[in-house]
Amino acid sequence: MQIVGALLILAAFAGTQFGKLGQSSLSYLWLNLIGSLILAVLAFYEEQWGFVLLETVWALVSAWSLTQVLRGRQPSAAH
């Protein structure tokens, strides 16, 4: 399952790097959300607290951005 979670996040990353996915696309956001949730749950069971923090925040940011896009808004861009 760790490999699946990591591959989902890496697919989103590679998709943006190669111009196939936009950072506000539903595919990009879903890949990040699902991948980070998988890794957060696995890290929690392994008591790897640094990774729990990292992946939980990653999932929360992805979920927030996904919610914004589904509401017809663009997530805030980095300045």
PDB file of N, CA and C in Angstrom:
ATOM      1  N   MET A   1       0.817  -1.197   0.000  1.00  0.00           N
ATOM      2  CA  MET A   1       0.000   0.000   0.000  1.00  0.00           C
ATOM      3  C   MET A   1       0.863   1.265   0.000  1.00  0.00           C
ATOM      4  N   GLN A   2       2.031   1.208   0.665  1.00  0.00           N
ATOM      5  CA  GLN A   2       2.913   2.375   0.641  1.00  0.00           C
ATOM      6  C   GLN A   2       3.304   2.734  -0.779  1.00  0.00           C
ATOM      7  N   ILE A   3       3.580   1.726  -1.586  1.00  0.00           N
ATOM      8  CA  ILE A   3       3.974   1.960  -2.974  1.00  0.00           C
ATOM      9  C   ILE A   3       2.825   2.614  -3.737  1.00  0.00           C
ATOM     10  N   VAL A   4       1.604   2.158  -3.512  1.00  0.00           N
ATOM     11  CA  VAL A   4       0.438   2.741  -4.188  1.00  0.00           C
ATOM     12  C   VAL A   4       0.294   4.215  -3.815  1.00  0.00           C
ATOM     13  N   GLY A   5       0.355   4.520  -2.519  1.00  0.00           N
ATOM     14  CA  GLY A   5       0.242   5.909  -2.074  1.00  0.00           C
ATOM     15  C   GLY A   5       1.325   6.794  -2.671  1.00  0.00           C
ATOM     16  N   ALA A   6       2.540   6.295  -2.637  1.00  0.00           N
ATOM     17  CA  ALA A   6       3.657   7.065  -3.186  1.00  0.00           C
ATOM     18  C   ALA A   6       3.508   7.251  -4.690  1.00  0.00           C
ATOM     19  N   LEU A   7       3.081   6.200  -5.404  1.00  0.00           N
ATOM     20  CA  LEU A   7       2.905   6.310  -6.851  1.00  0.00           C
ATOM     21  C   LEU A   7       1.817   7.309  -7.233  1.00  0.00           C
ATOM     22  N   LEU A   8       0.767   7.389  -6.442  1.00  0.00           N
ATOM     23  CA  LEU A   8      -0.284   8.365  -6.721  1.00  0.00           C
ATOM     24  C   LEU A   8       0.253   9.794  -6.617  1.00  0.00           C
ATOM     25  N   ILE A   9       0.991  10.070  -5.549  1.00  0.00           N
ATOM     26  CA  ILE A   9       1.570  11.405  -5.368  1.00  0.00           C
ATOM     27  C   ILE A   9       2.599  11.690  -6.459  1.00  0.00           C
ATOM     28  N   LEU A  10       3.421  10.715  -6.760  1.00  0.00           N
ATOM     29  CA  LEU A  10       4.428  10.904  -7.806  1.00  0.00           C
ATOM     30  C   LEU A  10       3.805  11.078  -9.185  1.00  0.00           C
ATOM     31  N   ALA A  11       2.686  10.408  -9.439  1.00  0.00           N
ATOM     32  CA  ALA A  11       1.991  10.585 -10.718  1.00  0.00           C
ATOM     33  C   ALA A  11       1.483  12.019 -10.854  1.00  0.00           C
ATOM     34  N   ALA A  12       0.942  12.563  -9.764  1.00  0.00           N
ATOM     35  CA  ALA A  12       0.488  13.958  -9.790  1.00  0.00           C
ATOM     36  C   ALA A  12       1.667  14.899 -10.036  1.00  0.00           C
ATOM     37  N   PHE A  13       2.759  14.669  -9.339  1.00  0.00           N
ATOM     38  CA  PHE A  13       3.950  15.502  -9.499  1.00  0.00           C
ATOM     39  C   PHE A  13       4.483  15.431 -10.925  1.00  0.00           C
ATOM     40  N   ALA A  14       4.646  14.220 -11.441  1.00  0.00           N
ATOM     41  CA  ALA A  14       5.162  14.055 -12.806  1.00  0.00           C
ATOM     42  C   ALA A  14       4.202  14.667 -13.823  1.00  0.00           C
ATOM     43  N   GLY A  15       2.913  14.511 -13.583  1.00  0.00           N
ATOM     44  CA  GLY A  15       1.930  15.100 -14.489  1.00  0.00           C
ATOM     45  C   GLY A  15       2.055  16.604 -14.598  1.00  0.00           C
ATOM     46  N   THR A  16       2.320  17.268 -13.476  1.00  0.00           N
ATOM     47  CA  THR A  16       2.500  18.726 -13.534  1.00  0.00           C
ATOM     48  C   THR A  16       3.834  19.086 -14.171  1.00  0.00           C
ATOM     49  N   GLN A  17       4.858  18.339 -13.891  1.00  0.00           N
ATOM     50  CA  GLN A  17       6.177  18.641 -14.437  1.00  0.00           C
ATOM     51  C   GLN A  17       6.223  18.482 -15.949  1.00  0.00           C
ATOM     52  N   PHE A  18       5.460  17.526 -16.467  1.00  0.00           N
ATOM     53  CA  PHE A  18       5.440  17.284 -17.909  1.00  0.00           C
ATOM     54  C   PHE A  18       4.294  18.006 -18.609  1.00  0.00           C
ATOM     55  N   GLY A  19       3.598  18.859 -17.869  1.00  0.00           N
ATOM     56  CA  GLY A  19       2.541  19.669 -18.465  1.00  0.00           C
ATOM     57  C   GLY A  19       1.262  18.916 -18.787  1.00  0.00           C
ATOM     58  N   LYS A  20       1.062  17.763 -18.195  1.00  0.00           N
ATOM     59  CA  LYS A  20      -0.136  16.958 -18.453  1.00  0.00           C
ATOM     60  C   LYS A  20      -1.263  17.259 -17.465  1.00  0.00           C
ATOM     61  N   LEU A  21      -0.923  17.740 -16.279  1.00  0.00           N
ATOM     62  CA  LEU A  21      -1.904  18.072 -15.243  1.00  0.00           C
ATOM     63  C   LEU A  21      -1.637  19.471 -14.724  1.00  0.00           C
ATOM     64  N   GLY A  22      -2.690  20.224 -14.541  1.00  0.00           N
ATOM     65  CA  GLY A  22      -2.558  21.519 -13.882  1.00  0.00           C
ATOM     66  C   GLY A  22      -2.658  21.338 -12.382  1.00  0.00           C
ATOM     67  N   GLN A  23      -2.085  22.243 -11.629  1.00  0.00           N
ATOM     68  CA  GLN A  23      -2.111  22.119 -10.168  1.00  0.00           C
ATOM     69  C   GLN A  23      -3.498  22.313  -9.590  1.00  0.00           C
ATOM     70  N   SER A  24      -4.420  22.826 -10.374  1.00  0.00           N
ATOM     71  CA  SER A  24      -5.805  22.973  -9.924  1.00  0.00           C
ATOM     72  C   SER A  24      -6.735  21.969 -10.595  1.00  0.00           C
ATOM     73  N   SER A  25      -6.181  21.000 -11.323  1.00  0.00           N
ATOM     74  CA  SER A  25      -7.031  20.011 -11.984  1.00  0.00           C
ATOM     75  C   SER A  25      -7.543  18.997 -10.963  1.00  0.00           C
ATOM     76  N   LEU A  26      -8.731  18.497 -11.229  1.00  0.00           N
ATOM     77  CA  LEU A  26      -9.308  17.502 -10.317  1.00  0.00           C
ATOM     78  C   LEU A  26      -8.434  16.263 -10.220  1.00  0.00           C
ATOM     79  N   SER A  27      -7.869  15.835 -11.330  1.00  0.00           N
ATOM     80  CA  SER A  27      -7.008  14.641 -11.312  1.00  0.00           C
ATOM     81  C   SER A  27      -5.819  14.840 -10.389  1.00  0.00           C
ATOM     82  N   TYR A  28      -5.143  15.972 -10.523  1.00  0.00           N
ATOM     83  CA  TYR A  28      -3.974  16.284  -9.692  1.00  0.00           C
ATOM     84  C   TYR A  28      -4.359  16.284  -8.211  1.00  0.00           C
ATOM     85  N   LEU A  29      -5.455  16.960  -7.888  1.00  0.00           N
ATOM     86  CA  LEU A  29      -5.860  17.090  -6.487  1.00  0.00           C
ATOM     87  C   LEU A  29      -6.315  15.761  -5.901  1.00  0.00           C
ATOM     88  N   TRP A  30      -7.063  14.962  -6.665  1.00  0.00           N
ATOM     89  CA  TRP A  30      -7.484  13.652  -6.172  1.00  0.00           C
ATOM     90  C   TRP A  30      -6.297  12.719  -5.972  1.00  0.00           C
ATOM     91  N   LEU A  31      -5.364  12.715  -6.911  1.00  0.00           N
ATOM     92  CA  LEU A  31      -4.167  11.875  -6.762  1.00  0.00           C
ATOM     93  C   LEU A  31      -3.410  12.225  -5.486  1.00  0.00           C
ATOM     94  N   ASN A  32      -3.222  13.525  -5.240  1.00  0.00           N
ATOM     95  CA  ASN A  32      -2.526  13.962  -4.033  1.00  0.00           C
ATOM     96  C   ASN A  32      -3.301  13.609  -2.771  1.00  0.00           C
ATOM     97  N   LEU A  33      -4.608  13.839  -2.784  1.00  0.00           N
ATOM     98  CA  LEU A  33      -5.414  13.565  -1.595  1.00  0.00           C
ATOM     99  C   LEU A  33      -5.412  12.077  -1.252  1.00  0.00           C
ATOM    100  N   ILE A  34      -5.702  11.242  -2.214  1.00  0.00           N
ATOM    101  CA  ILE A  34      -5.773   9.803  -1.939  1.00  0.00           C
ATOM    102  C   ILE A  34      -4.400   9.245  -1.566  1.00  0.00           C
ATOM    103  N   GLY A  35      -3.377   9.631  -2.310  1.00  0.00           N
ATOM    104  CA  GLY A  35      -2.026   9.156  -2.002  1.00  0.00           C
ATOM    105  C   GLY A  35      -1.568   9.560  -0.616  1.00  0.00           C
ATOM    106  N   SER A  36      -1.805  10.816  -0.252  1.00  0.00           N
ATOM    107  CA  SER A  36      -1.354  11.280   1.066  1.00  0.00           C
ATOM    108  C   SER A  36      -2.175  10.665   2.190  1.00  0.00           C
ATOM    109  N   LEU A  37      -3.462  10.423   1.964  1.00  0.00           N
ATOM    110  CA  LEU A  37      -4.263   9.752   2.994  1.00  0.00           C
ATOM    111  C   LEU A  37      -3.773   8.329   3.239  1.00  0.00           C
ATOM    112  N   ILE A  38      -3.482   7.621   2.165  1.00  0.00           N
ATOM    113  CA  ILE A  38      -2.949   6.254   2.310  1.00  0.00           C
ATOM    114  C   ILE A  38      -1.665   6.282   3.129  1.00  0.00           C
ATOM    115  N   LEU A  39      -0.756   7.173   2.766  1.00  0.00           N
ATOM    116  CA  LEU A  39       0.533   7.224   3.466  1.00  0.00           C
ATOM    117  C   LEU A  39       0.383   7.703   4.913  1.00  0.00           C
ATOM    118  N   ALA A  40      -0.547   8.619   5.169  1.00  0.00           N
ATOM    119  CA  ALA A  40      -0.769   9.101   6.538  1.00  0.00           C
ATOM    120  C   ALA A  40      -1.282   7.975   7.429  1.00  0.00           C
ATOM    121  N   VAL A  41      -2.239   7.202   6.933  1.00  0.00           N
ATOM    122  CA  VAL A  41      -2.792   6.092   7.722  1.00  0.00           C
ATOM    123  C   VAL A  41      -1.714   5.054   8.005  1.00  0.00           C
ATOM    124  N   LEU A  42      -0.944   4.709   6.995  1.00  0.00           N
ATOM    125  CA  LEU A  42       0.125   3.726   7.200  1.00  0.00           C
ATOM    126  C   LEU A  42       1.183   4.235   8.173  1.00  0.00           C
ATOM    127  N   ALA A  43       1.531   5.505   8.072  1.00  0.00           N
ATOM    128  CA  ALA A  43       2.517   6.084   8.991  1.00  0.00           C
ATOM    129  C   ALA A  43       1.978   6.089  10.416  1.00  0.00           C
ATOM    130  N   PHE A  44       0.682   6.349  10.571  1.00  0.00           N
ATOM    131  CA  PHE A  44       0.075   6.341  11.898  1.00  0.00           C
ATOM    132  C   PHE A  44       0.198   4.953  12.538  1.00  0.00           C
ATOM    133  N   TYR A  45      -0.111   3.926  11.781  1.00  0.00           N
ATOM    134  CA  TYR A  45      -0.024   2.560  12.320  1.00  0.00           C
ATOM    135  C   TYR A  45       1.412   2.148  12.623  1.00  0.00           C
ATOM    136  N   GLU A  46       2.357   2.728  11.922  1.00  0.00           N
ATOM    137  CA  GLU A  46       3.772   2.434  12.165  1.00  0.00           C
ATOM    138  C   GLU A  46       4.393   3.387  13.197  1.00  0.00           C
ATOM    139  N   GLU A  47       3.582   4.320  13.702  1.00  0.00           N
ATOM    140  CA  GLU A  47       4.025   5.320  14.675  1.00  0.00           C
ATOM    141  C   GLU A  47       5.207   6.138  14.170  1.00  0.00           C
ATOM    142  N   GLN A  48       5.146   6.506  12.897  1.00  0.00           N
ATOM    143  CA  GLN A  48       6.157   7.372  12.285  1.00  0.00           C
ATOM    144  C   GLN A  48       5.580   8.786  12.265  1.00  0.00           C
ATOM    145  N   TRP A  49       5.731   9.469  13.403  1.00  0.00           N
ATOM    146  CA  TRP A  49       5.005  10.709  13.648  1.00  0.00           C
ATOM    147  C   TRP A  49       5.383  11.842  12.695  1.00  0.00           C
ATOM    148  N   GLY A  50       6.608  11.905  12.273  1.00  0.00           N
ATOM    149  CA  GLY A  50       6.999  12.933  11.310  1.00  0.00           C
ATOM    150  C   GLY A  50       6.263  12.766   9.989  1.00  0.00           C
ATOM    151  N   PHE A  51       6.134  11.527   9.546  1.00  0.00           N
ATOM    152  CA  PHE A  51       5.411  11.257   8.302  1.00  0.00           C
ATOM    153  C   PHE A  51       3.908  11.422   8.490  1.00  0.00           C
ATOM    154  N   VAL A  52       3.396  11.123   9.679  1.00  0.00           N
ATOM    155  CA  VAL A  52       1.978  11.380   9.951  1.00  0.00           C
ATOM    156  C   VAL A  52       1.704  12.868   9.779  1.00  0.00           C
ATOM    157  N   LEU A  53       2.559  13.690  10.358  1.00  0.00           N
ATOM    158  CA  LEU A  53       2.400  15.145  10.232  1.00  0.00           C
ATOM    159  C   LEU A  53       2.480  15.575   8.772  1.00  0.00           C
ATOM    160  N   LEU A  54       3.513  15.158   8.082  1.00  0.00           N
ATOM    161  CA  LEU A  54       3.717  15.536   6.687  1.00  0.00           C
ATOM    162  C   LEU A  54       2.527  15.138   5.821  1.00  0.00           C
ATOM    163  N   GLU A  55       2.129  13.887   5.888  1.00  0.00           N
ATOM    164  CA  GLU A  55       1.076  13.391   5.009  1.00  0.00           C
ATOM    165  C   GLU A  55      -0.304  13.903   5.398  1.00  0.00           C
ATOM    166  N   THR A  56      -0.540  14.134   6.684  1.00  0.00           N
ATOM    167  CA  THR A  56      -1.822  14.691   7.108  1.00  0.00           C
ATOM    168  C   THR A  56      -1.971  16.122   6.609  1.00  0.00           C
ATOM    169  N   VAL A  57      -0.919  16.917   6.738  1.00  0.00           N
ATOM    170  CA  VAL A  57      -0.973  18.291   6.222  1.00  0.00           C
ATOM    171  C   VAL A  57      -1.122  18.264   4.700  1.00  0.00           C
ATOM    172  N   TRP A  58      -0.407  17.390   4.026  1.00  0.00           N
ATOM    173  CA  TRP A  58      -0.516  17.253   2.570  1.00  0.00           C
ATOM    174  C   TRP A  58      -1.966  16.938   2.182  1.00  0.00           C
ATOM    175  N   ALA A  59      -2.589  16.015   2.912  1.00  0.00           N
ATOM    176  CA  ALA A  59      -3.982  15.640   2.637  1.00  0.00           C
ATOM    177  C   ALA A  59      -4.930  16.807   2.905  1.00  0.00           C
ATOM    178  N   LEU A  60      -4.706  17.533   4.000  1.00  0.00           N
ATOM    179  CA  LEU A  60      -5.579  18.667   4.319  1.00  0.00           C
ATOM    180  C   LEU A  60      -5.486  19.769   3.268  1.00  0.00           C
ATOM    181  N   VAL A  61      -4.285  20.074   2.827  1.00  0.00           N
ATOM    182  CA  VAL A  61      -4.108  21.097   1.796  1.00  0.00           C
ATOM    183  C   VAL A  61      -4.747  20.632   0.489  1.00  0.00           C
ATOM    184  N   SER A  62      -4.562  19.377   0.143  1.00  0.00           N
ATOM    185  CA  SER A  62      -5.170  18.831  -1.080  1.00  0.00           C
ATOM    186  C   SER A  62      -6.689  18.873  -0.989  1.00  0.00           C
ATOM    187  N   ALA A  63      -7.241  18.497   0.165  1.00  0.00           N
ATOM    188  CA  ALA A  63      -8.691  18.513   0.357  1.00  0.00           C
ATOM    189  C   ALA A  63      -9.242  19.929   0.274  1.00  0.00           C
ATOM    190  N   TRP A  64      -8.554  20.882   0.886  1.00  0.00           N
ATOM    191  CA  TRP A  64      -8.985  22.280   0.825  1.00  0.00           C
ATOM    192  C   TRP A  64      -8.988  22.772  -0.619  1.00  0.00           C
ATOM    193  N   SER A  65      -7.919  22.501  -1.343  1.00  0.00           N
ATOM    194  CA  SER A  65      -7.825  22.933  -2.736  1.00  0.00           C
ATOM    195  C   SER A  65      -8.896  22.257  -3.591  1.00  0.00           C
ATOM    196  N   LEU A  66      -9.133  20.982  -3.361  1.00  0.00           N
ATOM    197  CA  LEU A  66     -10.161  20.258  -4.098  1.00  0.00           C
ATOM    198  C   LEU A  66     -11.537  20.871  -3.831  1.00  0.00           C
ATOM    199  N   THR A  67     -11.812  21.196  -2.577  1.00  0.00           N
ATOM    200  CA  THR A  67     -13.073  21.838  -2.222  1.00  0.00           C
ATOM    201  C   THR A  67     -13.235  23.167  -2.948  1.00  0.00           C
ATOM    202  N   GLN A  68     -12.167  23.948  -3.003  1.00  0.00           N
ATOM    203  CA  GLN A  68     -12.220  25.229  -3.708  1.00  0.00           C
ATOM    204  C   GLN A  68     -12.547  25.031  -5.181  1.00  0.00           C
ATOM    205  N   VAL A  69     -11.891  24.082  -5.820  1.00  0.00           N
ATOM    206  CA  VAL A  69     -12.116  23.831  -7.245  1.00  0.00           C
ATOM    207  C   VAL A  69     -13.547  23.343  -7.479  1.00  0.00           C
ATOM    208  N   LEU A  70     -14.041  22.444  -6.631  1.00  0.00           N
ATOM    209  CA  LEU A  70     -15.399  21.934  -6.784  1.00  0.00           C
ATOM    210  C   LEU A  70     -16.449  23.022  -6.578  1.00  0.00           C
ATOM    211  N   ARG A  71     -16.105  24.050  -5.829  1.00  0.00           N
ATOM    212  CA  ARG A  71     -17.011  25.197  -5.628  1.00  0.00           C
ATOM    213  C   ARG A  71     -16.872  26.238  -6.730  1.00  0.00           C
ATOM    214  N   GLY A  72     -16.019  25.970  -7.688  1.00  0.00           N
ATOM    215  CA  GLY A  72     -15.844  26.900  -8.804  1.00  0.00           C
ATOM    216  C   GLY A  72     -14.840  28.005  -8.547  1.00  0.00           C
ATOM    217  N   ARG A  73     -14.052  27.855  -7.525  1.00  0.00           N
ATOM    218  CA  ARG A  73     -13.022  28.845  -7.190  1.00  0.00           C
ATOM    219  C   ARG A  73     -11.651  28.259  -7.479  1.00  0.00           C
ATOM    220  N   GLN A  74     -10.691  29.118  -7.729  1.00  0.00           N
ATOM    221  CA  GLN A  74      -9.323  28.669  -7.887  1.00  0.00           C
ATOM    222  C   GLN A  74      -8.629  28.733  -6.533  1.00  0.00           C
ATOM    223  N   PRO A  75      -7.879  27.686  -6.178  1.00  0.00           N
ATOM    224  CA  PRO A  75      -7.097  27.765  -4.939  1.00  0.00           C
ATOM    225  C   PRO A  75      -6.117  28.936  -5.026  1.00  0.00           C
ATOM    226  N   SER A  76      -5.803  29.502  -3.884  1.00  0.00           N
ATOM    227  CA  SER A  76      -4.859  30.629  -3.857  1.00  0.00           C
ATOM    228  C   SER A  76      -3.520  30.207  -4.423  1.00  0.00           C
ATOM    229  N   ALA A  77      -2.974  31.055  -5.260  1.00  0.00           N
ATOM    230  CA  ALA A  77      -1.645  30.788  -5.831  1.00  0.00           C
ATOM    231  C   ALA A  77      -0.568  31.249  -4.863  1.00  0.00           C
ATOM    232  N   ALA A  78       0.567  30.592  -4.938  1.00  0.00           N
ATOM    233  CA  ALA A  78       1.722  31.010  -4.128  1.00  0.00           C
ATOM    234  C   ALA A  78       2.226  32.351  -4.644  1.00  0.00           C
ATOM    235  N   HIS A  79       2.657  33.195  -3.739  1.00  0.00           N
ATOM    236  CA  HIS A  79       3.158  34.518  -4.133  1.00  0.00           C
ATOM    237  C   HIS A  79       4.658  34.585  -3.961  1.00  0.00           C
TER     238      HIS A  79
END
